[in-house]
Structures are given as C-alpha cells and as structure tokens.
Amino acid sequence: MLKLEREYQGDIPPEIFFFNMTGFIITALVLGIIHLGLLVFFIIHAINNTRVKPEERIIWVLLFIFVNSIAFPIYWGLRIWPAEKTESNFVRM
C-alpha cells in the first residue's frame, strides 16, 4: 500500500482500489446469500414446526425479520437442537 501511495501520491485509481477490494466484495456477497438462505430456512421451519404454538410462530417470524442474527441461535437452541424424547422400551404396568 505504501508503494501505491508513493506512486500515485495519495490518489489511487478506482480500478486498482476495486481490484484490491474484490476479495472483500466476494466474501460479503457469499455471506449475504448464506444469511438470506438461513432466514428463509428459519422462517419455514418456524411456520411448519408443530411443537410451536400459533401465537409463538408469529413472534418468531417477526424476530427473524427484524433481529435475525440474534434470533437464529436462540431459536436453534430452543426449538431445533433439543430433539423430541423417544418412548422408553420398558413395559409400563
């Protein structure tokens, strides 16, 4: 970067600047697409999850829309990670 500053005396041409920013731009686009995919996944899961009450579904969808980065791990920890308990193999008397 110092070489560019000495060569162009503080004014870096846009083509060089954007060429240097290509990695950041591609990373931001990929992460944005992943984030959008997670948003769609969590909304669909919250709507189709039978263990969630209908009133709670509305709250989850609104949380996903407005504070998604915070709501994703909370929903994952409360509703996706704990699997349903299976019945025991013991005979009840």
Protein backbone atom coordinates (compact mmCIF):
# COMPACT_ATOMS: atom_id res chain seq x y z
CA MET A 1 0.00 0.00 0.00
CA LEU A 2 2.89 2.36 0.70
CA LYS A 3 4.21 1.76 -2.80
CA LEU A 4 0.82 2.75 -4.24
CA GLU A 5 0.72 5.89 -2.10
CA ARG A 6 4.19 6.92 -3.23
CA GLU A 7 3.44 6.10 -6.85
CA TYR A 8 0.09 7.90 -7.04
CA GLN A 9 0.71 10.48 -4.27
CA GLY A 10 -2.42 9.64 -2.28
CA ASP A 11 -4.85 9.31 -5.20
CA ILE A 12 -5.25 5.63 -6.02
CA PRO A 13 -7.08 5.00 -9.31
CA PRO A 14 -10.53 3.40 -8.89
CA GLU A 15 -9.62 0.29 -10.92
CA ILE A 16 -6.73 -0.53 -8.56
CA PHE A 17 -8.83 0.21 -5.48
CA PHE A 18 -11.71 -2.02 -6.59
CA PHE A 19 -9.30 -4.76 -7.72
CA ASN A 20 -7.86 -4.80 -4.19
CA MET A 21 -11.40 -4.91 -2.73
CA THR A 22 -12.52 -7.89 -4.85
CA GLY A 23 -11.91 -10.47 -2.11
CA PHE A 24 -13.91 -8.47 0.41
CA ILE A 25 -16.78 -7.91 -2.02
CA ILE A 26 -16.98 -11.62 -2.93
CA THR A 27 -16.88 -12.61 0.75
CA ALA A 28 -19.65 -10.13 1.59
CA LEU A 29 -21.82 -11.44 -1.26
CA VAL A 30 -21.36 -15.07 -0.24
CA LEU A 31 -22.13 -14.31 3.41
CA GLY A 32 -25.19 -12.29 2.37
CA ILE A 33 -26.52 -15.20 0.32
CA ILE A 34 -25.92 -17.60 3.23
CA HIS A 35 -27.69 -15.20 5.59
CA LEU A 36 -30.68 -14.94 3.25
CA GLY A 37 -30.81 -18.74 2.97
CA LEU A 38 -30.77 -19.07 6.76
CA LEU A 39 -33.57 -16.50 7.02
CA VAL A 40 -35.74 -18.49 4.63
CA PHE A 41 -34.90 -21.78 6.39
CA PHE A 42 -35.74 -20.49 9.87
CA ILE A 43 -39.00 -18.84 8.77
CA ILE A 44 -40.15 -22.02 7.01
CA HIS A 45 -39.10 -24.17 9.98
CA ALA A 46 -40.93 -21.92 12.47
CA ILE A 47 -44.11 -21.98 10.37
CA ASN A 48 -44.06 -25.77 9.85
CA ASN A 49 -42.93 -26.74 13.36
CA THR A 50 -45.86 -28.43 15.11
CA ARG A 51 -44.28 -28.06 18.55
CA VAL A 52 -44.59 -24.26 18.33
CA LYS A 53 -47.89 -22.61 19.24
CA PRO A 54 -49.50 -20.46 16.50
CA GLU A 55 -49.10 -17.29 18.58
CA GLU A 56 -45.45 -18.07 19.13
CA ARG A 57 -44.92 -18.66 15.40
CA ILE A 58 -45.87 -15.07 14.65
CA ILE A 59 -43.42 -13.81 17.26
CA TRP A 60 -40.61 -15.98 15.87
CA VAL A 61 -41.22 -14.83 12.30
CA LEU A 62 -41.17 -11.18 13.39
CA LEU A 63 -37.97 -11.79 15.35
CA PHE A 64 -36.39 -13.43 12.31
CA ILE A 65 -37.29 -10.46 10.13
CA PHE A 66 -36.19 -7.67 12.47
CA VAL A 67 -33.37 -9.12 14.64
CA ASN A 68 -32.41 -12.19 12.65
CA SER A 69 -28.77 -12.52 13.69
CA ILE A 70 -29.82 -12.63 17.35
CA ALA A 71 -32.94 -14.76 16.84
CA PHE A 72 -31.28 -17.51 14.75
CA PRO A 73 -29.13 -19.03 17.54
CA ILE A 74 -31.88 -18.57 20.15
CA TYR A 75 -34.42 -20.42 18.00
CA TRP A 76 -31.85 -23.08 17.17
CA GLY A 77 -31.13 -23.66 20.86
CA LEU A 78 -34.78 -23.70 21.93
CA ARG A 79 -36.62 -25.35 19.05
CA ILE A 80 -34.27 -27.27 16.73
CA TRP A 81 -31.45 -28.68 18.84
CA PRO A 82 -33.50 -30.44 21.55
CA ALA A 83 -34.90 -33.48 19.77
CA GLU A 84 -38.22 -34.95 20.79
CA LYS A 85 -37.92 -37.52 23.54
CA THR A 86 -38.47 -41.05 22.31
CA GLU A 87 -40.60 -43.55 24.19
CA SER A 88 -38.82 -45.91 26.51
CA ASN A 89 -38.53 -49.60 25.63
CA PHE A 90 -39.65 -50.60 29.12
CA VAL A 91 -43.13 -52.01 29.58
CA ARG A 92 -45.40 -49.84 31.71
CA MET A 93 -47.56 -51.57 34.29
